[in-house]
Amino acid sequence: QVQLVESGGGLVQAGGSLRLSCAASRNINSISDIAWYRQPPGKQRELVAGIGLRGGKHYADSVKGRFTVSRDNTKLYLQMNSLKPDDTGAYYCYGKYGTVSIWGQGTQVTVTS
């Protein structure tokens, strides 16, 4: 069983930065479709950023130029700069191990104006 555990969330003022981490219980290169999702209050979960099988990175339009996704062998990261109140939400790490979809438990990010 592969587990993903997020950390790094918190309360920050608009314009500030946070770095989220997602620790995997296996070498993260064995996990495909690895990505960050978020769920704003009262809204559906949405894709924020991810890394494809060949290392290509993709971002939601709303975070392009402000967020950067990266990884090493054990963790997935999300560097979030120039944060806005609309970035508030629970942030989840996602990946697929074989055919099994895995979600972390989430970490809360709150951006105040």
Protein backbone atom coordinates (compact mmCIF):
# COMPACT_ATOMS: atom_id res chain seq x y z
CA GLN A 1 0.00 0.00 0.00
CA VAL A 2 1.42 3.38 -1.02
CA GLN A 3 0.73 6.39 1.17
CA LEU A 4 0.99 10.09 0.44
CA VAL A 5 1.28 12.58 3.29
CA GLU A 6 1.07 16.34 2.75
CA SER A 7 2.59 19.05 4.92
CA GLY A 8 3.40 22.74 4.75
CA GLY A 9 -0.01 24.34 4.74
CA GLY A 10 -0.87 27.31 6.91
CA LEU A 11 -2.18 30.84 7.19
CA VAL A 12 -0.52 33.50 5.05
CA GLN A 13 -1.29 37.02 3.91
CA ALA A 14 -1.98 37.80 0.28
CA GLY A 15 1.29 38.16 -1.62
CA GLY A 16 3.04 35.68 0.61
CA SER A 17 4.51 32.26 -0.13
CA LEU A 18 4.16 28.70 1.08
CA ARG A 19 5.87 25.46 0.11
CA LEU A 20 3.85 22.28 0.29
CA SER A 21 5.45 18.85 0.48
CA CYS A 22 4.01 15.44 -0.24
CA ALA A 23 5.95 12.51 1.17
CA ALA A 24 5.51 9.13 -0.50
CA SER A 25 6.03 5.79 1.19
CA ARG A 26 7.70 4.51 -2.00
CA ASN A 27 10.09 5.99 -4.52
CA ILE A 28 7.96 8.71 -6.02
CA ASN A 29 9.17 7.79 -9.51
CA SER A 30 7.09 4.60 -9.20
CA ILE A 31 3.95 6.72 -8.86
CA SER A 32 2.39 8.00 -12.08
CA ASP A 33 0.16 11.00 -12.75
CA ILE A 34 1.44 12.66 -9.60
CA ALA A 35 -0.23 15.98 -8.98
CA TRP A 36 -1.55 18.58 -6.59
CA TYR A 37 -5.27 19.24 -6.34
CA ARG A 38 -7.14 21.71 -4.20
CA GLN A 39 -10.68 22.11 -2.95
CA PRO A 40 -11.80 25.66 -2.20
CA PRO A 41 -14.54 26.07 0.42
CA GLY A 42 -17.90 25.04 -1.04
CA LYS A 43 -16.40 24.10 -4.41
CA GLN A 44 -15.29 20.99 -6.23
CA ARG A 45 -11.77 19.64 -6.13
CA GLU A 46 -9.64 20.96 -8.99
CA LEU A 47 -6.26 20.19 -10.50
CA VAL A 48 -3.55 22.69 -9.57
CA ALA A 49 -0.34 21.25 -11.01
CA GLY A 50 1.17 17.93 -11.95
CA ILE A 51 4.11 16.09 -13.43
CA GLY A 52 3.61 13.65 -16.28
CA LEU A 53 5.33 10.33 -16.89
CA ARG A 54 8.09 11.92 -18.95
CA GLY A 55 8.59 14.77 -16.50
CA GLY A 56 6.49 17.36 -18.28
CA LYS A 57 4.78 19.79 -15.93
CA HIS A 58 1.31 21.21 -16.29
CA TYR A 59 -0.54 23.91 -14.38
CA ALA A 60 -4.01 25.30 -13.99
CA ASP A 61 -4.30 28.65 -15.74
CA SER A 62 -5.07 30.34 -12.44
CA VAL A 63 -1.66 29.45 -10.95
CA LYS A 64 0.65 29.70 -13.96
CA GLY A 65 3.62 31.93 -13.23
CA ARG A 66 3.00 31.79 -9.47
CA PHE A 67 3.21 28.10 -8.55
CA THR A 68 5.99 25.63 -9.32
CA VAL A 69 5.69 21.86 -9.00
CA SER A 70 8.79 19.73 -8.52
CA ARG A 71 9.87 16.42 -7.08
CA ASP A 72 12.81 14.42 -5.85
CA ASN A 73 12.92 10.65 -5.23
CA THR A 74 10.74 10.77 -2.14
CA LYS A 75 8.67 13.94 -2.25
CA LEU A 76 6.50 16.07 -4.45
CA TYR A 77 6.61 19.80 -3.83
CA LEU A 78 4.46 22.81 -4.64
CA GLN A 79 6.11 26.20 -4.29
CA MET A 80 3.36 28.81 -4.11
CA ASN A 81 4.27 32.48 -4.54
CA SER A 82 2.17 35.63 -4.82
CA LEU A 83 -0.66 33.90 -3.03
CA LYS A 84 -4.18 35.26 -3.39
CA PRO A 85 -7.29 34.77 -1.23
CA ASP A 86 -8.72 32.66 -4.09
CA ASP A 87 -5.92 30.15 -3.46
CA THR A 88 -7.52 29.25 -0.13
CA GLY A 89 -8.51 25.63 0.21
CA ALA A 90 -7.51 22.13 1.17
CA TYR A 91 -4.57 20.95 -0.94
CA TYR A 92 -4.25 17.27 -1.77
CA CYS A 93 -1.47 15.18 -3.22
CA TYR A 94 -2.59 12.61 -5.78
CA GLY A 95 -0.88 9.77 -7.60
CA LYS A 96 -1.55 6.49 -9.30
CA TYR A 97 0.31 3.32 -8.31
CA GLY A 98 -0.40 0.78 -10.99
CA THR A 99 -4.15 1.08 -11.42
CA VAL A 100 -4.81 2.32 -7.89
CA SER A 101 -5.53 6.00 -7.31
CA ILE A 102 -4.08 7.38 -4.09
CA TRP A 103 -4.95 10.58 -2.26
CA GLY A 104 -3.23 12.18 0.68
CA GLN A 105 -5.22 13.46 3.64
CA GLY A 106 -4.82 17.11 2.63
CA THR A 107 -3.25 20.22 4.09
CA GLN A 108 -5.12 23.49 4.58
CA VAL A 109 -3.96 26.73 2.96
CA THR A 110 -5.65 29.95 4.02
CA VAL A 111 -4.75 33.24 2.36
CA THR A 112 -6.02 36.43 4.00
CA SER A 113 -6.48 39.74 2.23
